[in-house]
Every structure is written in structure tokens, then in C-alpha cells.
PDB file of all heavy atoms in Angstrom:
ATOM      1  N   ASP A   1     104.721 110.193 104.247  1.00  0.00           N
ATOM      2  CA  ASP A   1     105.275 111.540 104.320  1.00  0.00           C
ATOM      3  C   ASP A   1     106.144 111.710 105.567  1.00  0.00           C
ATOM      4  O   ASP A   1     107.196 112.348 105.522  1.00  0.00           O
ATOM      5  CB  ASP A   1     104.143 112.571 104.301  1.00  0.00           C
ATOM      6  CG  ASP A   1     103.282 112.429 103.059  1.00  0.00           C
ATOM      7  OD1 ASP A   1     103.745 112.809 101.970  1.00  0.00           O
ATOM      8  OD2 ASP A   1     102.158 111.907 103.181  1.00  0.00           O
ATOM      9  N   PHE A   2     105.695 111.111 106.683  1.00  0.00           N
ATOM     10  CA  PHE A   2     106.495 111.132 107.907  1.00  0.00           C
ATOM     11  C   PHE A   2     107.840 110.447 107.680  1.00  0.00           C
ATOM     12  O   PHE A   2     108.899 110.952 108.068  1.00  0.00           O
ATOM     13  CB  PHE A   2     105.720 110.442 109.043  1.00  0.00           C
ATOM     14  CG  PHE A   2     106.578 110.057 110.203  1.00  0.00           C
ATOM     15  CD1 PHE A   2     107.104 111.018 111.053  1.00  0.00           C
ATOM     16  CD2 PHE A   2     106.870 108.725 110.458  1.00  0.00           C
ATOM     17  CE1 PHE A   2     107.916 110.658 112.130  1.00  0.00           C
ATOM     18  CE2 PHE A   2     107.666 108.349 111.521  1.00  0.00           C
ATOM     19  CZ  PHE A   2     108.192 109.326 112.364  1.00  0.00           C
ATOM     20  N   LEU A   3     107.814 109.266 107.040  1.00  0.00           N
ATOM     21  CA  LEU A   3     109.048 108.518 106.788  1.00  0.00           C
ATOM     22  C   LEU A   3     109.979 109.292 105.858  1.00  0.00           C
ATOM     23  O   LEU A   3     111.187 109.367 106.096  1.00  0.00           O
ATOM     24  CB  LEU A   3     108.723 107.146 106.203  1.00  0.00           C
ATOM     25  CG  LEU A   3     107.976 106.184 107.131  1.00  0.00           C
ATOM     26  CD1 LEU A   3     107.503 104.953 106.362  1.00  0.00           C
ATOM     27  CD2 LEU A   3     108.839 105.786 108.314  1.00  0.00           C
ATOM     28  N   CYS A   4     109.417 109.874 104.807  1.00  0.00           N
ATOM     29  CA  CYS A   4     110.232 110.654 103.869  1.00  0.00           C
ATOM     30  C   CYS A   4     110.922 111.807 104.581  1.00  0.00           C
ATOM     31  O   CYS A   4     112.129 112.043 104.397  1.00  0.00           O
ATOM     32  CB  CYS A   4     109.379 111.208 102.732  1.00  0.00           C
ATOM     33  SG  CYS A   4     108.891 110.003 101.513  1.00  0.00           S
ATOM     34  N   GLN A   5     110.161 112.530 105.377  1.00  0.00           N
ATOM     35  CA  GLN A   5     110.724 113.686 106.078  1.00  0.00           C
ATOM     36  C   GLN A   5     111.786 113.236 107.077  1.00  0.00           C
ATOM     37  O   GLN A   5     112.861 113.827 107.153  1.00  0.00           O
ATOM     38  CB  GLN A   5     109.620 114.453 106.804  1.00  0.00           C
ATOM     39  CG  GLN A   5     110.146 115.644 107.582  1.00  0.00           C
ATOM     40  CD  GLN A   5     109.056 116.386 108.323  1.00  0.00           C
ATOM     41  OE1 GLN A   5     108.028 116.703 107.745  1.00  0.00           O
ATOM     42  NE2 GLN A   5     109.265 116.639 109.596  1.00  0.00           N
ATOM     43  N   GLY A   6     111.485 112.185 107.838  1.00  0.00           N
ATOM     44  CA  GLY A   6     112.433 111.704 108.838  1.00  0.00           C
ATOM     45  C   GLY A   6     113.725 111.200 108.239  1.00  0.00           C
ATOM     46  O   GLY A   6     114.818 111.474 108.753  1.00  0.00           O
ATOM     47  N   LEU A   7     113.625 110.481 107.134  1.00  0.00           N
ATOM     48  CA  LEU A   7     114.834 109.962 106.486  1.00  0.00           C
ATOM     49  C   LEU A   7     115.607 111.067 105.782  1.00  0.00           C
ATOM     50  O   LEU A   7     116.837 111.042 105.746  1.00  0.00           O
ATOM     51  CB  LEU A   7     114.465 108.842 105.514  1.00  0.00           C
ATOM     52  CG  LEU A   7     113.996 107.563 106.206  1.00  0.00           C
ATOM     53  CD1 LEU A   7     113.390 106.595 105.190  1.00  0.00           C
ATOM     54  CD2 LEU A   7     115.124 106.913 106.980  1.00  0.00           C
ATOM     55  N   ALA A   8     114.910 112.044 105.240  1.00  0.00           N
ATOM     56  CA  ALA A   8     115.594 113.165 104.572  1.00  0.00           C
ATOM     57  C   ALA A   8     116.438 113.956 105.568  1.00  0.00           C
ATOM     58  O   ALA A   8     117.503 114.478 105.211  1.00  0.00           O
ATOM     59  CB  ALA A   8     114.568 114.076 103.898  1.00  0.00           C
ATOM     60  N   ARG A   9     116.008 114.025 106.807  1.00  0.00           N
ATOM     61  CA  ARG A   9     116.763 114.757 107.828  1.00  0.00           C
ATOM     62  C   ARG A   9     118.019 114.017 108.264  1.00  0.00           C
ATOM     63  O   ARG A   9     118.932 114.613 108.808  1.00  0.00           O
ATOM     64  CB  ARG A   9     115.891 114.995 109.062  1.00  0.00           C
ATOM     65  CG  ARG A   9     114.804 116.010 108.834  1.00  0.00           C
ATOM     66  CD  ARG A   9     114.003 116.208 110.082  1.00  0.00           C
ATOM     67  NE  ARG A   9     113.009 117.258 109.866  1.00  0.00           N
ATOM     68  CZ  ARG A   9     112.100 117.591 110.749  1.00  0.00           C
ATOM     69  NH1 ARG A   9     112.034 116.974 111.906  1.00  0.00           N
ATOM     70  NH2 ARG A   9     111.242 118.544 110.476  1.00  0.00           N
ATOM     71  N   ARG A  10     118.044 112.712 108.058  1.00  0.00           N
ATOM     72  CA  ARG A  10     119.141 111.887 108.575  1.00  0.00           C
ATOM     73  C   ARG A  10     120.139 111.423 107.526  1.00  0.00           C
ATOM     74  O   ARG A  10     121.250 111.066 107.860  1.00  0.00           O
ATOM     75  CB  ARG A  10     118.566 110.651 109.269  1.00  0.00           C
ATOM     76  CG  ARG A  10     117.715 110.979 110.443  1.00  0.00           C
ATOM     77  CD  ARG A  10     118.581 111.409 111.579  1.00  0.00           C
ATOM     78  NE  ARG A  10     117.762 112.032 112.608  1.00  0.00           N
ATOM     79  CZ  ARG A  10     118.246 112.796 113.550  1.00  0.00           C
ATOM     80  NH1 ARG A  10     119.521 113.055 113.593  1.00  0.00           N
ATOM     81  NH2 ARG A  10     117.453 113.326 114.447  1.00  0.00           N
ATOM     82  N   ARG A  11     119.738 111.365 106.304  1.00  0.00           N
ATOM     83  CA  ARG A  11     120.594 110.795 105.259  1.00  0.00           C
ATOM     84  C   ARG A  11     120.566 111.667 104.021  1.00  0.00           C
ATOM     85  O   ARG A  11     119.661 112.464 103.823  1.00  0.00           O
ATOM     86  CB  ARG A  11     120.077 109.414 104.841  1.00  0.00           C
ATOM     87  CG  ARG A  11     120.293 108.352 105.846  1.00  0.00           C
ATOM     88  CD  ARG A  11     119.976 107.048 105.188  1.00  0.00           C
ATOM     89  NE  ARG A  11     120.377 105.968 106.061  1.00  0.00           N
ATOM     90  CZ  ARG A  11     120.149 104.714 105.817  1.00  0.00           C
ATOM     91  NH1 ARG A  11     119.526 104.355 104.741  1.00  0.00           N
ATOM     92  NH2 ARG A  11     120.546 103.781 106.647  1.00  0.00           N
ATOM     93  N   GLN A  12     121.538 111.404 103.169  1.00  0.00           N
ATOM     94  CA  GLN A  12     121.530 112.068 101.873  1.00  0.00           C
ATOM     95  C   GLN A  12     120.277 111.647 101.106  1.00  0.00           C
ATOM     96  O   GLN A  12     119.465 112.455 100.738  1.00  0.00           O
ATOM     97  CB  GLN A  12     122.774 111.676 101.072  1.00  0.00           C
ATOM     98  CG  GLN A  12     124.075 112.098 101.703  1.00  0.00           C
ATOM     99  CD  GLN A  12     124.360 113.558 101.460  1.00  0.00           C
ATOM    100  OE1 GLN A  12     123.521 114.288 100.970  1.00  0.00           O
ATOM    101  NE2 GLN A  12     125.536 114.004 101.816  1.00  0.00           N
ATOM    102  N   GLU A  13     120.176 110.339 100.882  1.00  0.00           N
ATOM    103  CA  GLU A  13     119.019 109.810 100.155  1.00  0.00           C
ATOM    104  C   GLU A  13     118.847 108.337 100.535  1.00  0.00           C
ATOM    105  O   GLU A  13     119.818 107.598 100.576  1.00  0.00           O
ATOM    106  CB  GLU A  13     119.231 109.944  98.649  1.00  0.00           C
ATOM    107  CG  GLU A  13     118.025 109.577  97.848  1.00  0.00           C
ATOM    108  CD  GLU A  13     118.209 109.901  96.367  1.00  0.00           C
ATOM    109  OE1 GLU A  13     119.337 110.089  95.925  1.00  0.00           O
ATOM    110  OE2 GLU A  13     117.190 109.935  95.660  1.00  0.00           O
ATOM    111  N   HIS A  14     117.653 107.942 100.817  1.00  0.00           N
ATOM    112  CA  HIS A  14     117.360 106.549 101.159  1.00  0.00           C
ATOM    113  C   HIS A  14     116.988 105.820  99.870  1.00  0.00           C
ATOM    114  O   HIS A  14     116.123 106.272  99.116  1.00  0.00           O
ATOM    115  CB  HIS A  14     116.208 106.485 102.166  1.00  0.00           C
ATOM    116  CG  HIS A  14     115.997 105.150 102.756  1.00  0.00           C
ATOM    117  ND1 HIS A  14     115.347 104.132 102.090  1.00  0.00           N
ATOM    118  CD2 HIS A  14     116.347 104.649 103.957  1.00  0.00           C
ATOM    119  CE1 HIS A  14     115.309 103.060 102.854  1.00  0.00           C
ATOM    120  NE2 HIS A  14     115.910 103.347 104.000  1.00  0.00           N
ATOM    121  N   GLU A  15     117.643 104.704  99.626  1.00  0.00           N
ATOM    122  CA  GLU A  15     117.403 103.937  98.400  1.00  0.00           C
ATOM    123  C   GLU A  15     115.937 103.525  98.274  1.00  0.00           C
ATOM    124  O   GLU A  15     115.369 103.520  97.189  1.00  0.00           O
ATOM    125  CB  GLU A  15     118.318 102.709  98.373  1.00  0.00           C
ATOM    126  CG  GLU A  15     118.364 102.026  97.039  1.00  0.00           C
ATOM    127  CD  GLU A  15     118.964 102.867  95.924  1.00  0.00           C
ATOM    128  OE1 GLU A  15     119.895 103.650  96.168  1.00  0.00           O
ATOM    129  OE2 GLU A  15     118.474 102.739  94.781  1.00  0.00           O
ATOM    130  N   GLY A  16     115.309 103.182  99.397  1.00  0.00           N
ATOM    131  CA  GLY A  16     113.900 102.778  99.378  1.00  0.00           C
ATOM    132  C   GLY A  16     112.978 103.907  98.957  1.00  0.00           C
ATOM    133  O   GLY A  16     112.032 103.699  98.197  1.00  0.00           O
ATOM    134  N   ILE A  17     113.257 105.098  99.425  1.00  0.00           N
ATOM    135  CA  ILE A  17     112.459 106.269  99.040  1.00  0.00           C
ATOM    136  C   ILE A  17     112.615 106.524  97.542  1.00  0.00           C
ATOM    137  O   ILE A  17     111.639 106.746  96.827  1.00  0.00           O
ATOM    138  CB  ILE A  17     112.885 107.528  99.844  1.00  0.00           C
ATOM    139  CG1 ILE A  17     112.690 107.316 101.342  1.00  0.00           C
ATOM    140  CG2 ILE A  17     112.165 108.767  99.330  1.00  0.00           C
ATOM    141  CD1 ILE A  17     111.278 107.318 101.842  1.00  0.00           C
ATOM    142  N   ARG A  18     113.853 106.457  97.080  1.00  0.00           N
ATOM    143  CA  ARG A  18     114.102 106.674  95.654  1.00  0.00           C
ATOM    144  C   ARG A  18     113.389 105.616  94.810  1.00  0.00           C
ATOM    145  O   ARG A  18     112.774 105.928  93.791  1.00  0.00           O
ATOM    146  CB  ARG A  18     115.596 106.659  95.365  1.00  0.00           C
ATOM    147  CG  ARG A  18     115.902 107.055  93.941  1.00  0.00           C
ATOM    148  CD  ARG A  18     117.341 107.244  93.637  1.00  0.00           C
ATOM    149  NE  ARG A  18     118.223 106.660  94.623  1.00  0.00           N
ATOM    150  CZ  ARG A  18     119.526 106.538  94.474  1.00  0.00           C
ATOM    151  NH1 ARG A  18     120.089 106.961  93.379  1.00  0.00           N
ATOM    152  NH2 ARG A  18     120.272 105.998  95.402  1.00  0.00           N
ATOM    153  N   PHE A  19     113.464 104.360  95.249  1.00  0.00           N
ATOM    154  CA  PHE A  19     112.811 103.280  94.513  1.00  0.00           C
ATOM    155  C   PHE A  19     111.303 103.494  94.439  1.00  0.00           C
ATOM    156  O   PHE A  19     110.697 103.427  93.368  1.00  0.00           O
ATOM    157  CB  PHE A  19     113.119 101.925  95.169  1.00  0.00           C
ATOM    158  CG  PHE A  19     112.351 100.792  94.571  1.00  0.00           C
ATOM    159  CD1 PHE A  19     112.717 100.246  93.345  1.00  0.00           C
ATOM    160  CD2 PHE A  19     111.240 100.273  95.217  1.00  0.00           C
ATOM    161  CE1 PHE A  19     111.988  99.208  92.777  1.00  0.00           C
ATOM    162  CE2 PHE A  19     110.504  99.234  94.662  1.00  0.00           C
ATOM    163  CZ  PHE A  19     110.877  98.702  93.438  1.00  0.00           C
ATOM    164  N   VAL A  20     110.686 103.779  95.572  1.00  0.00           N
ATOM    165  CA  VAL A  20     109.230 103.927  95.620  1.00  0.00           C
ATOM    166  C   VAL A  20     108.771 105.127  94.799  1.00  0.00           C
ATOM    167  O   VAL A  20     107.782 105.047  94.080  1.00  0.00           O
ATOM    168  CB  VAL A  20     108.735 104.019  97.087  1.00  0.00           C
ATOM    169  CG1 VAL A  20     107.273 104.414  97.156  1.00  0.00           C
ATOM    170  CG2 VAL A  20     108.964 102.685  97.798  1.00  0.00           C
ATOM    171  N   THR A  21     109.484 106.230  94.873  1.00  0.00           N
ATOM    172  CA  THR A  21     109.067 107.405  94.100  1.00  0.00           C
ATOM    173  C   THR A  21     109.244 107.187  92.598  1.00  0.00           C
ATOM    174  O   THR A  21     108.616 107.890  91.805  1.00  0.00           O
ATOM    175  CB  THR A  21     109.818 108.677  94.536  1.00  0.00           C
ATOM    176  OG1 THR A  21     111.222 108.437  94.471  1.00  0.00           O
ATOM    177  CG2 THR A  21     109.427 109.091  95.946  1.00  0.00           C
ATOM    178  N   SER A  22     110.048 106.200  92.213  1.00  0.00           N
ATOM    179  CA  SER A  22     110.221 105.912  90.789  1.00  0.00           C
ATOM    180  C   SER A  22     109.081 105.062  90.216  1.00  0.00           C
ATOM    181  O   SER A  22     108.978 104.910  89.005  1.00  0.00           O
ATOM    182  CB  SER A  22     111.554 105.185  90.549  1.00  0.00           C
ATOM    183  OG  SER A  22     111.478 103.833  90.967  1.00  0.00           O
ATOM    184  N   LEU A  23     108.229 104.526  91.072  1.00  0.00           N
ATOM    185  CA  LEU A  23     107.129 103.671  90.621  1.00  0.00           C
ATOM    186  C   LEU A  23     105.929 104.538  90.223  1.00  0.00           C
ATOM    187  O   LEU A  23     105.224 105.066  91.081  1.00  0.00           O
ATOM    188  CB  LEU A  23     106.730 102.679  91.720  1.00  0.00           C
ATOM    189  CG  LEU A  23     107.832 101.717  92.179  1.00  0.00           C
ATOM    190  CD1 LEU A  23     107.371 100.911  93.387  1.00  0.00           C
ATOM    191  CD2 LEU A  23     108.235 100.802  91.041  1.00  0.00           C
ATOM    192  N   ASP A  24     105.695 104.676  88.942  1.00  0.00           N
ATOM    193  CA  ASP A  24     104.633 105.554  88.435  1.00  0.00           C
ATOM    194  C   ASP A  24     103.226 105.093  88.805  1.00  0.00           C
ATOM    195  O   ASP A  24     102.307 105.902  88.863  1.00  0.00           O
ATOM    196  CB  ASP A  24     104.722 105.669  86.908  1.00  0.00           C
ATOM    197  CG  ASP A  24     105.982 106.381  86.464  1.00  0.00           C
ATOM    198  OD1 ASP A  24     106.544 107.160  87.260  1.00  0.00           O
ATOM    199  OD2 ASP A  24     106.402 106.157  85.312  1.00  0.00           O
ATOM    200  N   LYS A  25     103.055 103.793  89.040  1.00  0.00           N
ATOM    201  CA  LYS A  25     101.716 103.274  89.327  1.00  0.00           C
ATOM    202  C   LYS A  25     101.204 103.686  90.706  1.00  0.00           C
ATOM    203  O   LYS A  25     100.004 103.651  90.948  1.00  0.00           O
ATOM    204  CB  LYS A  25     101.703 101.747  89.236  1.00  0.00           C
ATOM    205  CG  LYS A  25     101.863 101.224  87.834  1.00  0.00           C
ATOM    206  CD  LYS A  25     101.773  99.716  87.809  1.00  0.00           C
ATOM    207  CE  LYS A  25     101.903  99.203  86.389  1.00  0.00           C
ATOM    208  NZ  LYS A  25     101.777  97.754  86.318  1.00  0.00           N
ATOM    209  N   LEU A  26     102.103 104.055  91.604  1.00  0.00           N
ATOM    210  CA  LEU A  26     101.693 104.419  92.960  1.00  0.00           C
ATOM    211  C   LEU A  26     101.278 105.880  92.993  1.00  0.00           C
ATOM    212  O   LEU A  26     102.089 106.767  92.738  1.00  0.00           O
ATOM    213  CB  LEU A  26     102.830 104.157  93.951  1.00  0.00           C
ATOM    214  CG  LEU A  26     103.286 102.711  94.045  1.00  0.00           C
ATOM    215  CD1 LEU A  26     104.479 102.590  94.970  1.00  0.00           C
ATOM    216  CD2 LEU A  26     102.149 101.826  94.519  1.00  0.00           C
ATOM    217  N   LYS A  27     100.014 106.114  93.327  1.00  0.00           N
ATOM    218  CA  LYS A  27      99.478 107.478  93.269  1.00  0.00           C
ATOM    219  C   LYS A  27      99.181 108.075  94.643  1.00  0.00           C
ATOM    220  O   LYS A  27      99.048 109.280  94.773  1.00  0.00           O
ATOM    221  CB  LYS A  27      98.175 107.495  92.446  1.00  0.00           C
ATOM    222  CG  LYS A  27      98.336 106.956  91.035  1.00  0.00           C
ATOM    223  CD  LYS A  27      99.187 107.847  90.190  1.00  0.00           C
ATOM    224  CE  LYS A  27      99.231 107.330  88.765  1.00  0.00           C
ATOM    225  NZ  LYS A  27     100.333 107.853  88.006  1.00  0.00           N
ATOM    226  N   THR A  28      99.049 107.232  95.677  1.00  0.00           N
ATOM    227  CA  THR A  28      98.653 107.739  96.989  1.00  0.00           C
ATOM    228  C   THR A  28      99.771 107.543  98.007  1.00  0.00           C
ATOM    229  O   THR A  28     100.613 106.650  97.858  1.00  0.00           O
ATOM    230  CB  THR A  28      97.400 107.009  97.511  1.00  0.00           C
ATOM    231  OG1 THR A  28      97.743 105.633  97.769  1.00  0.00           O
ATOM    232  CG2 THR A  28      96.258 107.091  96.511  1.00  0.00           C
ATOM    233  N   PRO A  29      99.771 108.363  99.074  1.00  0.00           N
ATOM    234  CA  PRO A  29     100.759 108.173 100.131  1.00  0.00           C
ATOM    235  C   PRO A  29     100.660 106.787 100.792  1.00  0.00           C
ATOM    236  O   PRO A  29     101.671 106.204 101.146  1.00  0.00           O
ATOM    237  CB  PRO A  29     100.431 109.280 101.132  1.00  0.00           C
ATOM    238  CG  PRO A  29      99.731 110.327 100.339  1.00  0.00           C
ATOM    239  CD  PRO A  29      98.974 109.581  99.278  1.00  0.00           C
ATOM    240  N   VAL A  30      99.450 106.263 100.928  1.00  0.00           N
ATOM    241  CA  VAL A  30      99.292 104.933 101.538  1.00  0.00           C
ATOM    242  C   VAL A  30      99.936 103.871 100.647  1.00  0.00           C
ATOM    243  O   VAL A  30     100.652 102.991 101.136  1.00  0.00           O
ATOM    244  CB  VAL A  30      97.802 104.613 101.805  1.00  0.00           C
ATOM    245  CG1 VAL A  30      97.623 103.177 102.266  1.00  0.00           C
ATOM    246  CG2 VAL A  30      97.234 105.557 102.848  1.00  0.00           C
ATOM    247  N   GLY A  31      99.714 103.945  99.352  1.00  0.00           N
ATOM    248  CA  GLY A  31     100.324 102.996  98.424  1.00  0.00           C
ATOM    249  C   GLY A  31     101.836 103.078  98.449  1.00  0.00           C
ATOM    250  O   GLY A  31     102.533 102.055  98.439  1.00  0.00           O
ATOM    251  N   ARG A  32     102.357 104.287  98.502  1.00  0.00           N
ATOM    252  CA  ARG A  32     103.807 104.462  98.566  1.00  0.00           C
ATOM    253  C   ARG A  32     104.347 103.927  99.891  1.00  0.00           C
ATOM    254  O   ARG A  32     105.412 103.303  99.927  1.00  0.00           O
ATOM    255  CB  ARG A  32     104.161 105.934  98.384  1.00  0.00           C
ATOM    256  CG  ARG A  32     103.924 106.417  96.977  1.00  0.00           C
ATOM    257  CD  ARG A  32     104.381 107.873  96.801  1.00  0.00           C
ATOM    258  NE  ARG A  32     103.951 108.352  95.501  1.00  0.00           N
ATOM    259  CZ  ARG A  32     102.948 109.192  95.303  1.00  0.00           C
ATOM    260  NH1 ARG A  32     102.272 109.681  96.320  1.00  0.00           N
ATOM    261  NH2 ARG A  32     102.626 109.560  94.085  1.00  0.00           N
ATOM    262  N   GLY A  33     103.617 104.184 100.966  1.00  0.00           N
ATOM    263  CA  GLY A  33     104.041 103.682 102.272  1.00  0.00           C
ATOM    264  C   GLY A  33     104.092 102.163 102.297  1.00  0.00           C
ATOM    265  O   GLY A  33     105.044 101.566 102.815  1.00  0.00           O
ATOM    266  N   ARG A  34     103.084 101.530 101.730  1.00  0.00           N
ATOM    267  CA  ARG A  34     103.063 100.065 101.675  1.00  0.00           C
ATOM    268  C   ARG A  34     104.226  99.524 100.852  1.00  0.00           C
ATOM    269  O   ARG A  34     104.868  98.548 101.235  1.00  0.00           O
ATOM    270  CB  ARG A  34     101.735  99.584 101.095  1.00  0.00           C
ATOM    271  CG  ARG A  34     100.579  99.795 102.032  1.00  0.00           C
ATOM    272  CD  ARG A  34      99.264  99.428 101.405  1.00  0.00           C
ATOM    273  NE  ARG A  34      98.191  99.637 102.374  1.00  0.00           N
ATOM    274  CZ  ARG A  34      96.911  99.694 102.066  1.00  0.00           C
ATOM    275  NH1 ARG A  34      96.522  99.527 100.806  1.00  0.00           N
ATOM    276  NH2 ARG A  34      96.013  99.892 102.999  1.00  0.00           N
ATOM    277  N   ALA A  35     104.502 100.153  99.736  1.00  0.00           N
ATOM    278  CA  ALA A  35     105.624  99.720  98.895  1.00  0.00           C
ATOM    279  C   ALA A  35     106.947  99.907  99.645  1.00  0.00           C
ATOM    280  O   ALA A  35     107.847  99.067  99.548  1.00  0.00           O
ATOM    281  CB  ALA A  35     105.629 100.500  97.583  1.00  0.00           C
ATOM    282  N   PHE A  36     107.060 100.988 100.400  1.00  0.00           N
ATOM    283  CA  PHE A  36     108.272 101.239 101.162  1.00  0.00           C
ATOM    284  C   PHE A  36     108.467 100.175 102.243  1.00  0.00           C
ATOM    285  O   PHE A  36     109.585  99.683 102.439  1.00  0.00           O
ATOM    286  CB  PHE A  36     108.230 102.639 101.789  1.00  0.00           C
ATOM    287  CG  PHE A  36     109.467 102.968 102.572  1.00  0.00           C
ATOM    288  CD1 PHE A  36     110.630 103.345 101.921  1.00  0.00           C
ATOM    289  CD2 PHE A  36     109.467 102.902 103.950  1.00  0.00           C
ATOM    290  CE1 PHE A  36     111.782 103.643 102.641  1.00  0.00           C
ATOM    291  CE2 PHE A  36     110.613 103.197 104.675  1.00  0.00           C
ATOM    292  CZ  PHE A  36     111.772 103.571 104.022  1.00  0.00           C
ATOM    293  N   LEU A  37     107.403  99.806 102.936  1.00  0.00           N
ATOM    294  CA  LEU A  37     107.504  98.752 103.958  1.00  0.00           C
ATOM    295  C   LEU A  37     107.990  97.453 103.334  1.00  0.00           C
ATOM    296  O   LEU A  37     108.870  96.775 103.885  1.00  0.00           O
ATOM    297  CB  LEU A  37     106.153  98.540 104.653  1.00  0.00           C
ATOM    298  CG  LEU A  37     105.639  99.691 105.515  1.00  0.00           C
ATOM    299  CD1 LEU A  37     104.260  99.358 106.078  1.00  0.00           C
ATOM    300  CD2 LEU A  37     106.607 100.032 106.630  1.00  0.00           C
ATOM    301  N   ARG A  38     107.439  97.095 102.198  1.00  0.00           N
ATOM    302  CA  ARG A  38     107.844  95.862 101.506  1.00  0.00           C
ATOM    303  C   ARG A  38     109.311  95.946 101.073  1.00  0.00           C
ATOM    304  O   ARG A  38     110.069  94.993 101.227  1.00  0.00           O
ATOM    305  CB  ARG A  38     106.934  95.606 100.309  1.00  0.00           C
ATOM    306  CG  ARG A  38     105.504  95.272 100.708  1.00  0.00           C
ATOM    307  CD  ARG A  38     104.567  95.273  99.512  1.00  0.00           C
ATOM    308  NE  ARG A  38     104.891  94.216  98.578  1.00  0.00           N
ATOM    309  CZ  ARG A  38     104.457  92.960  98.661  1.00  0.00           C
ATOM    310  NH1 ARG A  38     103.667  92.616  99.654  1.00  0.00           N
ATOM    311  NH2 ARG A  38     104.804  92.070  97.755  1.00  0.00           N
ATOM    312  N   TYR A  39     109.701  97.087 100.527  1.00  0.00           N
ATOM    313  CA  TYR A  39     111.096  97.283 100.120  1.00  0.00           C
ATOM    314  C   TYR A  39     112.024  97.069 101.324  1.00  0.00           C
ATOM    315  O   TYR A  39     113.038  96.382 101.225  1.00  0.00           O
ATOM    316  CB  TYR A  39     111.295  98.689  99.536  1.00  0.00           C
ATOM    317  CG  TYR A  39     112.716  98.971  99.139  1.00  0.00           C
ATOM    318  CD1 TYR A  39     113.144  98.738  97.845  1.00  0.00           C
ATOM    319  CD2 TYR A  39     113.644  99.440 100.071  1.00  0.00           C
ATOM    320  CE1 TYR A  39     114.468  98.978  97.470  1.00  0.00           C
ATOM    321  CE2 TYR A  39     114.961  99.671  99.710  1.00  0.00           C
ATOM    322  CZ  TYR A  39     115.366  99.438  98.418  1.00  0.00           C
ATOM    323  OH  TYR A  39     116.676  99.662  98.060  1.00  0.00           O
ATOM    324  N   CYS A  40     111.673  97.695 102.439  1.00  0.00           N
ATOM    325  CA  CYS A  40     112.515  97.601 103.638  1.00  0.00           C
ATOM    326  C   CYS A  40     112.565  96.176 104.191  1.00  0.00           C
ATOM    327  O   CYS A  40     113.614  95.753 104.679  1.00  0.00           O
ATOM    328  CB  CYS A  40     112.029  98.572 104.703  1.00  0.00           C
ATOM    329  SG  CYS A  40     112.441 100.295 104.324  1.00  0.00           S
TER     330      CYS A  40
END
């Protein structure tokens, strides 16, 4: 949530955020955060 908020303030849209939010299997913020780290 911290990363989402921080990136939203700086950019139009971060490709990694968009990718992770498109993954239906990820249900928790920790899971999304881990997927985002791997994407990055």
C-alpha cells in the first residue's frame, strides 16, 4: 500500500502496479508486495 501510494503520487501509472493488480490469485497486500518486488 505504501508503494502504491508513493508511485501514484509520482507517475501516471506504474506498469508493475498494473501487472500485480491484474493477478486475481493475489488476495493479500503481502502477496501483492512480493509479486511487485519480483516484477521490479
